Amino acid sequence: MQVVSGGQSLWIYTLLFTSLQLWGRLSASTSSPTLPAPELSIHLRSKNSVVLVCRAPEGHHGVVFMLYRSREQVDAQEQQSGAEEVRFTVRLKETDSDQAELYCCLYKNRDGRYSAFSPYLQLDLQKVAASAPSIPSVPPPVLSVQPSTGVVKRGDMLSFSCLVPPLGSQSQPQSSYNNKPVTFLLLRTAKRTGATSIILQPKANLLSDPKPQPGVFTVGPVTGGEEGGYTCIYQITKKRGLINSTVSNMVQITITDTLPVPTLVLQQQTEVWHLLCAASPAYPGAMFFLYLADNELPVATHQAPLIHHQATFSVPVQDTPMAWYQCQYSVLLGRKWSNSERSLPLAVTRGIPPSSSPGVSNVDWPLVLGSFSAVVLFLCSVAVIAVVAHRRVKETAEEKKKRQESQFWTQVHSKDHVVDLTLRRTSFTSQEWASEDTTTDTSSRPPLWNSLSTFTTPIHPIH
C-alpha cells in the first residue's frame, strides 16, 4: 500500500508540474497580446489590375505588411521607417470561373509582434473592370483675365478669375462633387525660361478686402517679369485627402513696353576684375543694380552717365567659394520708372578668375588673329592703291608723250616748203672767176640749198 501510495503521489506531483508549465506558457503568451487587425480595402480599380490598401489602426505602424489570398501569401512589403498603410497591386486573371477570391492582410511592428488577420475582402475579378472607379474625375476650371486681351503695360494690374464649372452637369453626377473647392492655385510658365511657378490666392486683409473671392487672383503692378502663360487648378477634400483638378485653359500675358534684358559679364581692368552690366543703347543714363541671385535687395547700385548705357561694379567680397550675380536697370519713361528683367545668373569664383585655367595660355588669340587680319588687309589695300597709282601715272606719261609728238608733227606739216631757186648768170669774166676762186671767207658765201627744203640734192651753178 505504501508503494502504491508513493506512486500515486509521484503521479500527482508530475501532473501538478505539467500544469504549472502550461500556465507559465499561457501567461507568457497573454502578456504580449497580438496587435489589432488592419483593414483591407480597394483603393483603385482599372481594366487590368486592382490596387488594395492594407491600413493599420490609428497609432500603429508596421515594418512588414503581408497580403494573403485565402491562406496563401501572395505579396509582402517592407517599410524600414514604419508605415501606417501600404498598397498592393493585384493583376486580373482571365478565367471563366464565377467564384470570387478572398484576400486579407496583416502587419508586423518593430518589436517583431504580428497583428491579427484583417477581415476577408471578397473580390470578383471578372466584374472589376465594369465597376466604377474609386476616385471620381474632377472637371477642369475655366481661367479668364482682365484685360481680356492679355496685353498690358508696365504699372498696370492683372485680375485672374478661376471658375469651377457647374457641378450639376449631365456628364458628371452631383454626388461626385459634394465637397466645395477648398484651394485655388494659379500657375505661371515664364516666357523666357519656361519655368513654372505657383501663385497662391491672397489671404484675407481687414483693410482692403476682408472677404477675398475664391478663385480671384490680382497680379501687379506689372514690372516686366509677368509675361508668359497662366493656368489654374483647384483642390477638393475627399476621404483620403486633397484631390487636384485637371489644368484649366491657358491665358497668355504680353507686356508691350518691356525693356531689353541686360547682360552681365566679368572683365579684367588693370589686374582687377569687375562686373560689367550692359543695357540697351536705346536707354542711356539708366540706374543699374547688382543682385545676388534669389535676393530681393541689391548689393550695389550705380547711376550711368547720360551718354553711357552700361555700369561697372567691383566684385563684392564673397563668403562662399562661388556666388551667382544678376543685374537690372531702371529707366524713367515719362513720369514712371520702368524696370528691366534681371540678367541671366553669372557664376563668380572667389580667388580664381574664370577666364584662366591651369595649363591654358592667357594670350587672347581672337584679338591676335583679328589684329593680324587687319594688318594683312591694310597691306593688301596699300599694294592695290600703289599698283593703281603706278598704272595711272604710266598712262598719263604715255598720253603726254603722244600729245607732244602729235603737236610736233602738226607744226612740221603746217610749215610752207619753199625752194630757193636763185637765177645766176651763166657767163663770168676772168676777174670775177679769179676773185671767186681766191676768196677764203666761206661764211659769206650764200648757201646753195636750204635745209628745210624737201630737196636733198644740192644745186650747183651752171657753167
Protein backbone atom coordinates (compact mmCIF):
# COMPACT_ATOMS: atom_id res chain seq x y z
CA MET A 1 0.00 0.00 0.00
CA GLN A 2 2.84 2.30 0.74
CA VAL A 3 4.31 1.67 -2.66
CA VAL A 4 1.02 2.31 -4.30
CA SER A 5 0.51 5.48 -2.34
CA GLY A 6 4.05 6.60 -3.21
CA GLY A 7 3.43 6.01 -6.90
CA GLN A 8 0.18 7.88 -6.73
CA SER A 9 1.91 10.80 -5.05
CA LEU A 10 4.56 10.84 -7.79
CA TRP A 11 1.86 10.95 -10.49
CA ILE A 12 0.13 13.85 -8.70
CA TYR A 13 3.39 15.81 -8.48
CA THR A 14 4.06 15.17 -12.15
CA LEU A 15 0.59 16.38 -13.14
CA LEU A 16 0.98 19.48 -10.97
CA PHE A 17 4.36 20.32 -12.51
CA THR A 18 2.98 19.96 -16.02
CA SER A 19 0.06 22.22 -15.15
CA LEU A 20 2.40 24.89 -13.84
CA GLN A 21 4.43 24.77 -17.07
CA LEU A 22 1.30 25.14 -19.20
CA TRP A 23 0.14 28.02 -17.04
CA GLY A 24 3.50 29.73 -17.40
CA ARG A 25 3.38 29.44 -21.18
CA LEU A 26 -0.20 30.71 -21.20
CA SER A 27 0.77 33.63 -19.02
CA ALA A 28 3.72 34.44 -21.28
CA SER A 29 1.52 34.38 -24.35
CA THR A 30 -1.17 36.55 -22.79
CA SER A 31 1.36 39.08 -21.52
CA SER A 32 2.09 40.16 -25.13
CA PRO A 33 -1.23 40.02 -26.93
CA THR A 34 -1.43 40.26 -30.74
CA LEU A 35 -1.74 43.65 -32.42
CA PRO A 36 -5.14 44.85 -33.62
CA ALA A 37 -6.12 43.72 -37.09
CA PRO A 38 -5.65 46.03 -40.07
CA GLU A 39 -8.26 46.94 -42.67
CA LEU A 40 -8.10 45.84 -46.31
CA SER A 41 -9.96 47.91 -48.90
CA ILE A 42 -9.94 48.74 -52.60
CA HIS A 43 -8.06 51.92 -53.46
CA LEU A 44 -8.23 51.98 -57.26
CA ARG A 45 -9.69 49.82 -59.98
CA SER A 46 -8.62 49.62 -63.59
CA LYS A 47 -9.14 47.32 -66.52
CA ASN A 48 -6.17 45.07 -65.82
CA SER A 49 -5.45 45.45 -62.10
CA VAL A 50 -6.80 46.35 -58.68
CA VAL A 51 -4.93 48.35 -56.04
CA LEU A 52 -5.62 47.17 -52.46
CA VAL A 53 -4.75 49.19 -49.35
CA CYS A 54 -3.78 47.45 -46.09
CA ARG A 55 -4.18 50.11 -43.38
CA ALA A 56 -3.17 49.59 -39.76
CA PRO A 57 -5.32 51.09 -36.98
CA GLU A 58 -4.55 54.63 -35.90
CA GLY A 59 -1.45 54.82 -33.74
CA HIS A 60 0.06 51.59 -35.07
CA HIS A 61 2.82 51.26 -37.64
CA GLY A 62 4.21 48.23 -39.36
CA VAL A 63 7.60 47.47 -40.84
CA VAL A 64 6.33 44.47 -42.82
CA PHE A 65 2.90 44.13 -44.48
CA MET A 66 1.76 40.81 -46.00
CA LEU A 67 -1.12 40.09 -48.37
CA TYR A 68 -2.83 36.68 -48.44
CA ARG A 69 -5.18 35.13 -50.98
CA SER A 70 -7.28 32.66 -48.97
CA ARG A 71 -4.46 31.01 -46.95
CA GLU A 72 -1.60 31.63 -49.35
CA GLN A 73 0.74 34.62 -49.07
CA VAL A 74 0.94 36.40 -52.43
CA ASP A 75 2.87 39.61 -51.63
CA ALA A 76 4.83 41.37 -48.90
CA GLN A 77 6.32 44.86 -48.49
CA GLU A 78 8.93 46.09 -46.03
CA GLN A 79 8.94 49.63 -44.63
CA GLN A 80 12.21 50.38 -42.86
CA SER A 81 10.93 53.51 -41.13
CA GLY A 82 7.48 52.09 -40.45
CA ALA A 83 4.24 52.96 -42.21
CA GLU A 84 0.58 53.10 -41.39
CA GLU A 85 -0.54 51.71 -44.73
CA VAL A 86 0.81 50.10 -47.89
CA ARG A 87 -0.69 49.35 -51.27
CA PHE A 88 -0.71 46.05 -53.12
CA THR A 89 -1.42 45.66 -56.85
CA VAL A 90 -3.39 42.56 -57.85
CA ARG A 91 -3.29 41.63 -61.52
CA LEU A 92 -6.55 40.48 -63.05
CA LYS A 93 -6.83 36.95 -64.40
CA GLU A 94 -8.84 35.84 -67.37
CA THR A 95 -10.96 32.97 -66.06
CA ASP A 96 -14.39 31.64 -66.71
CA SER A 97 -14.95 30.74 -63.07
CA ASP A 98 -17.65 32.65 -61.23
CA GLN A 99 -16.00 32.01 -57.88
CA ALA A 100 -14.80 35.17 -56.13
CA GLU A 101 -11.40 35.31 -54.47
CA LEU A 102 -10.86 36.23 -50.81
CA TYR A 103 -7.98 38.49 -49.70
CA CYS A 104 -6.71 39.51 -46.26
CA CYS A 105 -3.57 41.11 -44.80
CA LEU A 106 -1.58 41.55 -41.59
CA TYR A 107 1.43 43.54 -40.41
CA LYS A 108 4.42 43.23 -38.06
CA ASN A 109 5.78 46.08 -35.90
CA ARG A 110 9.35 46.93 -34.86
CA ASP A 111 9.17 44.63 -31.83
CA GLY A 112 8.52 41.63 -34.06
CA ARG A 113 4.89 41.29 -32.99
CA TYR A 114 2.31 40.32 -35.58
CA SER A 115 -1.20 41.62 -35.90
CA ALA A 116 -4.33 39.61 -36.36
CA PHE A 117 -5.58 38.97 -39.89
CA SER A 118 -7.84 41.58 -41.39
CA PRO A 119 -11.39 40.63 -42.35
CA TYR A 120 -11.51 38.90 -45.71
CA LEU A 121 -12.23 41.08 -48.74
CA GLN A 122 -14.26 39.38 -51.45
CA LEU A 123 -13.03 40.41 -54.87
CA ASP A 124 -14.82 39.42 -58.07
CA LEU A 125 -12.09 39.88 -60.66
CA GLN A 126 -14.47 39.46 -63.59
CA LYS A 127 -16.57 42.44 -62.53
CA VAL A 128 -13.77 44.79 -61.53
CA ALA A 129 -13.39 46.35 -64.95
CA ALA A 130 -17.11 47.06 -65.18
CA SER A 131 -17.27 48.69 -61.75
CA ALA A 132 -17.00 52.44 -61.25
CA PRO A 133 -13.58 53.91 -60.42
CA SER A 134 -12.92 54.58 -56.80
CA ILE A 135 -11.58 58.11 -57.44
CA PRO A 136 -14.00 60.26 -59.47
CA SER A 137 -12.62 62.55 -62.11
CA VAL A 138 -12.77 66.27 -61.41
CA PRO A 139 -13.72 68.69 -64.22
CA PRO A 140 -11.16 71.38 -65.18
CA PRO A 141 -11.80 75.01 -64.22
CA VAL A 142 -12.06 77.96 -66.61
CA LEU A 143 -9.49 80.77 -66.37
CA SER A 144 -10.11 84.34 -67.55
CA VAL A 145 -8.20 87.61 -67.15
CA GLN A 146 -8.85 91.33 -67.20
CA PRO A 147 -7.99 92.97 -69.54
CA SER A 148 -9.34 90.21 -71.72
CA THR A 149 -6.70 90.73 -74.45
CA GLY A 150 -3.89 89.89 -72.04
CA VAL A 151 -1.82 92.84 -73.36
CA VAL A 152 -0.73 95.26 -70.63
CA LYS A 153 1.87 97.94 -69.99
CA ARG A 154 4.21 98.36 -67.10
CA GLY A 155 2.43 99.56 -63.99
CA ASP A 156 -0.94 98.01 -64.96
CA MET A 157 -2.80 95.43 -62.87
CA LEU A 158 -3.92 91.93 -63.89
CA SER A 159 -7.00 90.24 -62.43
CA PHE A 160 -7.37 86.48 -62.95
CA SER A 161 -10.58 84.55 -62.27
CA CYS A 162 -10.51 80.74 -61.88
CA LEU A 163 -14.11 79.49 -62.07
CA VAL A 164 -15.37 75.97 -61.38
CA PRO A 165 -17.92 74.67 -63.92
CA PRO A 166 -21.46 73.97 -62.71
CA LEU A 167 -21.44 70.88 -60.50
CA GLY A 168 -24.82 69.65 -61.67
CA SER A 169 -23.86 68.97 -65.26
CA GLN A 170 -25.26 65.98 -67.06
CA SER A 171 -21.89 64.37 -67.68
CA GLN A 172 -20.87 64.38 -64.01
CA PRO A 173 -23.22 63.36 -61.21
CA GLN A 174 -23.82 65.78 -58.38
CA SER A 175 -22.80 63.20 -55.79
CA SER A 176 -19.25 63.20 -57.16
CA TYR A 177 -18.78 66.82 -56.14
CA ASN A 178 -20.40 67.03 -52.74
CA ASN A 179 -17.32 68.93 -51.48
CA LYS A 180 -16.65 72.52 -52.49
CA PRO A 181 -13.18 73.59 -53.67
CA VAL A 182 -11.01 74.50 -50.71
CA THR A 183 -7.93 75.85 -52.53
CA PHE A 184 -7.27 77.60 -55.85
CA LEU A 185 -3.78 77.73 -57.39
CA LEU A 186 -2.62 79.99 -60.23
CA LEU A 187 0.29 78.59 -62.28
CA ARG A 188 2.60 80.79 -64.36
CA THR A 189 5.00 79.50 -67.03
CA ALA A 190 7.73 82.08 -67.69
CA LYS A 191 8.18 83.11 -71.33
CA ARG A 192 12.00 83.22 -71.28
CA THR A 193 12.97 80.25 -69.10
CA GLY A 194 9.86 78.04 -69.31
CA ALA A 195 9.92 77.54 -65.52
CA THR A 196 6.55 77.11 -63.77
CA SER A 197 5.78 78.94 -60.54
CA ILE A 198 2.73 78.81 -58.25
CA ILE A 199 0.81 81.92 -57.21
CA LEU A 200 -1.29 81.41 -54.08
CA GLN A 201 -4.56 83.18 -53.52
CA PRO A 202 -4.07 86.23 -51.26
CA LYS A 203 -5.21 85.92 -47.68
CA ALA A 204 -7.92 88.00 -46.11
CA ASN A 205 -6.99 91.61 -45.41
CA LEU A 206 -9.15 93.53 -42.97
CA LEU A 207 -8.24 96.85 -44.55
CA SER A 208 -8.50 96.19 -48.27
CA ASP A 209 -10.54 93.01 -48.76
CA PRO A 210 -11.91 91.31 -45.64
CA LYS A 211 -13.50 88.53 -47.70
CA PRO A 212 -11.44 87.61 -50.79
CA GLN A 213 -13.41 85.94 -53.53
CA PRO A 214 -12.49 82.29 -54.18
CA GLY A 215 -10.50 81.81 -57.35
CA VAL A 216 -9.68 85.52 -57.88
CA PHE A 217 -6.01 86.50 -58.18
CA THR A 218 -4.59 90.01 -58.51
CA VAL A 219 -1.14 90.39 -60.06
CA GLY A 220 0.69 93.69 -60.31
CA PRO A 221 1.71 96.37 -60.72
CA VAL A 222 3.34 94.79 -63.76
CA THR A 223 7.13 95.21 -63.76
CA GLY A 224 8.17 93.06 -66.73
CA GLY A 225 8.56 89.55 -65.32
CA GLU A 226 4.89 88.66 -65.61
CA GLU A 227 4.95 87.66 -69.27
CA GLY A 228 4.07 84.05 -70.04
CA GLY A 229 1.23 81.54 -69.95
CA TYR A 230 -1.16 81.21 -66.99
CA THR A 231 -3.31 78.24 -65.93
CA CYS A 232 -5.13 77.32 -62.73
CA ILE A 233 -6.31 74.29 -60.73
CA TYR A 234 -8.45 73.76 -57.65
CA GLN A 235 -8.45 71.18 -54.87
CA ILE A 236 -11.33 69.40 -53.15
CA THR A 237 -11.32 67.32 -49.98
CA LYS A 238 -12.08 63.61 -50.09
CA LYS A 239 -11.81 60.85 -47.52
CA ARG A 240 -8.18 60.22 -48.39
CA GLY A 241 -7.06 63.88 -48.61
CA LEU A 242 -6.95 66.65 -51.19
CA ILE A 243 -7.60 65.86 -54.85
CA ASN A 244 -6.33 68.17 -57.61
CA SER A 245 -8.45 69.03 -60.59
CA THR A 246 -7.12 68.92 -64.12
CA VAL A 247 -5.45 72.02 -65.53
CA SER A 248 -7.56 74.83 -66.96
CA ASN A 249 -7.18 76.58 -70.28
CA MET A 250 -4.07 78.73 -70.81
CA VAL A 251 -4.12 82.54 -70.86
CA GLN A 252 -1.18 84.40 -72.44
CA ILE A 253 0.06 87.69 -70.95
CA THR A 254 2.14 90.11 -73.07
CA ILE A 255 3.84 93.34 -71.93
CA THR A 256 4.15 95.93 -74.69
CA ASP A 257 6.89 98.20 -73.29
CA THR A 258 9.27 95.62 -71.93
CA LEU A 259 12.84 96.84 -71.55
CA PRO A 260 15.51 94.62 -73.12
CA VAL A 261 17.21 92.23 -70.72
CA PRO A 262 20.72 93.37 -69.70
CA THR A 263 23.86 91.25 -69.92
CA LEU A 264 26.31 90.70 -67.07
CA VAL A 265 29.93 89.73 -67.82
CA LEU A 266 33.18 89.55 -65.88
CA GLN A 267 36.01 91.77 -67.16
CA GLN A 268 39.58 92.46 -66.11
CA GLN A 269 40.81 96.06 -65.99
CA THR A 270 44.39 96.79 -64.85
CA GLU A 271 44.77 93.49 -62.98
CA VAL A 272 41.40 93.98 -61.24
CA TRP A 273 38.24 92.07 -62.04
CA HIS A 274 34.95 93.93 -62.46
CA LEU A 275 31.35 93.06 -63.25
CA LEU A 276 30.06 94.89 -66.32
CA CYS A 277 26.29 95.26 -66.73
CA ALA A 278 25.32 96.44 -70.22
CA ALA A 279 21.81 97.63 -71.10
CA SER A 280 20.24 98.56 -74.42
CA PRO A 281 21.94 101.51 -76.20
CA ALA A 282 18.48 102.99 -76.61
CA TYR A 283 18.33 103.75 -72.85
CA PRO A 284 21.46 105.69 -71.82
CA GLY A 285 21.81 107.15 -68.36
CA ALA A 286 19.93 104.31 -66.62
CA MET A 287 20.16 103.31 -62.97
CA PHE A 288 21.88 99.93 -62.58
CA PHE A 289 21.51 97.43 -59.73
CA LEU A 290 23.66 94.41 -58.84
CA TYR A 291 21.99 91.49 -57.03
CA LEU A 292 22.97 88.21 -55.51
CA ALA A 293 20.79 85.59 -57.18
CA ASP A 294 17.50 84.97 -55.34
CA ASN A 295 17.96 88.10 -53.20
CA GLU A 296 15.44 90.92 -53.27
CA LEU A 297 17.76 93.74 -52.17
CA PRO A 298 20.68 94.88 -54.37
CA VAL A 299 24.26 94.68 -53.16
CA ALA A 300 25.36 97.70 -55.22
CA THR A 301 23.84 100.48 -57.34
CA HIS A 302 25.31 102.77 -59.99
CA GLN A 303 23.97 105.71 -61.98
CA ALA A 304 25.31 105.63 -65.54
CA PRO A 305 26.27 108.92 -67.27
CA LEU A 306 23.84 110.36 -69.76
CA ILE A 307 25.88 109.12 -72.73
CA HIS A 308 26.60 105.60 -71.39
CA HIS A 309 24.35 102.55 -71.29
CA GLN A 310 26.43 100.34 -69.03
CA ALA A 311 27.79 100.27 -65.50
CA THR A 312 30.86 98.70 -63.85
CA PHE A 313 30.67 97.10 -60.41
CA SER A 314 33.51 95.90 -58.22
CA VAL A 315 33.28 92.20 -57.37
CA PRO A 316 31.81 92.05 -53.83
CA VAL A 317 33.61 90.21 -51.06
CA GLN A 318 32.26 86.63 -51.10
CA ASP A 319 31.74 84.39 -48.09
CA THR A 320 31.31 81.30 -50.27
CA PRO A 321 33.67 79.77 -52.86
CA MET A 322 31.16 80.55 -55.63
CA ALA A 323 28.38 83.12 -55.87
CA TRP A 324 25.79 83.88 -58.57
CA TYR A 325 25.12 87.50 -59.55
CA GLN A 326 22.44 89.25 -61.62
CA CYS A 327 21.96 92.85 -62.70
CA GLN A 328 19.00 95.02 -63.57
CA TYR A 329 18.44 98.59 -64.77
CA SER A 330 15.66 101.16 -64.43
CA VAL A 331 14.72 103.92 -66.86
CA LEU A 332 12.43 106.89 -66.31
CA LEU A 333 9.82 106.68 -69.09
CA GLY A 334 7.57 109.69 -68.87
CA ARG A 335 6.66 110.01 -65.20
CA LYS A 336 7.16 106.35 -64.23
CA TRP A 337 10.23 104.25 -63.65
CA SER A 338 10.36 101.10 -65.74
CA ASN A 339 12.44 98.15 -64.55
CA SER A 340 14.00 95.58 -66.82
CA GLU A 341 14.14 91.90 -66.02
CA ARG A 342 17.21 90.60 -64.30
CA SER A 343 20.07 89.30 -66.40
CA LEU A 344 20.98 85.64 -66.56
CA PRO A 345 22.89 84.48 -63.45
CA LEU A 346 26.67 84.74 -63.66
CA ALA A 347 28.86 82.49 -61.50
CA VAL A 348 31.87 84.17 -59.89
CA THR A 349 34.52 82.02 -58.20
CA ARG A 350 36.39 83.51 -55.27
CA GLY A 351 40.10 83.96 -55.91
CA ILE A 352 40.12 82.13 -59.26
CA PRO A 353 39.43 84.19 -62.40
CA PRO A 354 37.03 82.21 -64.56
CA SER A 355 38.84 83.13 -67.79
CA SER A 356 42.10 81.42 -66.77
CA SER A 357 42.69 77.78 -66.00
CA PRO A 358 45.81 75.63 -65.33
CA GLY A 359 47.76 74.74 -68.46
CA VAL A 360 45.93 77.28 -70.63
CA SER A 361 47.74 80.35 -72.01
CA ASN A 362 46.41 83.82 -71.21
CA VAL A 363 47.04 85.03 -74.77
CA ASP A 364 43.92 86.48 -76.28
CA TRP A 365 44.08 84.54 -79.55
CA PRO A 366 40.93 86.08 -81.05
CA LEU A 367 42.42 89.55 -80.53
CA VAL A 368 45.78 88.50 -82.02
CA LEU A 369 44.16 86.88 -85.06
CA GLY A 370 41.91 89.88 -85.54
CA SER A 371 44.86 92.30 -85.41
CA PHE A 372 46.87 90.16 -87.85
CA SER A 373 43.92 90.06 -90.25
CA ALA A 374 43.60 93.85 -90.02
CA VAL A 375 47.33 94.33 -90.81
CA VAL A 376 47.16 91.96 -93.78
CA LEU A 377 44.08 93.71 -95.09
CA PHE A 378 45.80 97.11 -94.72
CA LEU A 379 48.91 95.94 -96.59
CA CYS A 380 46.80 94.47 -99.37
CA SER A 381 44.92 97.74 -99.67
CA VAL A 382 48.16 99.74 -99.84
CA ALA A 383 49.53 97.40 -102.54
CA VAL A 384 46.39 97.70 -104.61
CA ILE A 385 46.46 101.50 -104.30
CA ALA A 386 50.14 101.59 -105.33
CA VAL A 387 49.56 99.41 -108.41
CA VAL A 388 46.59 101.52 -109.47
CA ALA A 389 48.55 104.75 -108.94
CA HIS A 390 51.56 103.43 -110.95
CA ARG A 391 49.34 102.41 -113.83
CA ARG A 392 47.67 105.81 -113.75
CA VAL A 393 50.98 107.67 -113.83
CA LYS A 394 52.26 105.49 -116.67
CA GLU A 395 49.10 106.06 -118.68
CA THR A 396 49.38 109.81 -118.05
CA ALA A 397 53.02 109.87 -119.23
CA GLU A 398 52.16 107.94 -122.38
CA GLU A 399 49.29 110.28 -123.11
CA LYS A 400 51.57 113.30 -122.62
CA LYS A 401 54.23 111.83 -124.95
CA LYS A 402 51.68 111.12 -127.62
CA ARG A 403 50.29 114.62 -127.25
CA GLN A 404 53.76 116.18 -127.66
CA GLU A 405 54.52 114.05 -130.73
CA SER A 406 51.21 114.99 -132.22
CA GLN A 407 51.94 118.69 -131.68
CA PHE A 408 55.43 118.32 -133.20
CA TRP A 409 54.23 116.71 -136.40
CA THR A 410 51.40 119.18 -136.62
CA GLN A 411 53.93 122.04 -136.57
CA VAL A 412 56.12 120.29 -139.14
CA HIS A 413 53.35 119.67 -141.60
CA SER A 414 51.88 123.12 -141.13
CA LYS A 415 55.07 124.91 -142.41
CA ASP A 416 55.42 126.02 -146.17
CA HIS A 417 58.02 124.09 -148.21
CA VAL A 418 59.71 126.94 -150.21
CA VAL A 419 62.62 126.19 -152.66
CA ASP A 420 65.19 128.93 -153.23
CA LEU A 421 65.85 128.82 -156.95
CA THR A 422 68.18 131.79 -157.43
CA LEU A 423 68.99 132.54 -161.08
CA ARG A 424 72.59 133.31 -161.69
CA ARG A 425 74.47 134.49 -164.66
CA THR A 426 75.86 131.90 -166.96
CA SER A 427 78.98 133.88 -168.03
CA PHE A 428 81.65 135.35 -165.81
CA THR A 429 84.63 137.48 -166.50
CA SER A 430 88.10 136.34 -165.74
CA GLN A 431 88.44 138.74 -162.85
CA GLU A 432 85.17 137.60 -161.32
CA TRP A 433 86.10 133.95 -161.58
CA ALA A 434 89.51 134.55 -160.04
CA SER A 435 88.04 136.52 -157.24
CA GLU A 436 85.50 133.79 -156.77
CA ASP A 437 88.18 131.11 -156.53
CA THR A 438 90.56 133.04 -154.28
CA THR A 439 88.03 134.00 -151.60
CA THR A 440 88.62 132.33 -148.26
CA ASP A 441 85.54 133.50 -146.34
CA THR A 442 83.22 130.66 -146.84
CA SER A 443 80.77 132.01 -144.35
CA SER A 444 79.92 134.92 -146.61
CA ARG A 445 79.19 132.58 -149.44
CA PRO A 446 75.46 132.27 -149.94
CA PRO A 447 74.05 128.79 -149.38
CA LEU A 448 73.36 126.77 -152.39
CA TRP A 449 70.45 124.78 -150.70
CA ASN A 450 68.01 125.21 -147.91
CA SER A 451 67.96 122.69 -145.05
CA LEU A 452 64.24 122.93 -144.69
CA SER A 453 63.67 122.22 -148.30
CA THR A 454 62.39 118.86 -149.33
CA PHE A 455 65.09 118.63 -151.93
CA THR A 456 68.09 116.73 -150.71
CA THR A 457 70.36 117.27 -153.76
CA PRO A 458 72.36 120.47 -153.64
CA ILE A 459 72.04 122.92 -156.52
CA HIS A 460 75.25 123.62 -158.41
CA PRO A 461 75.70 126.61 -160.59
CA ILE A 462 75.50 126.21 -164.27
CA HIS A 463 78.69 126.96 -166.16
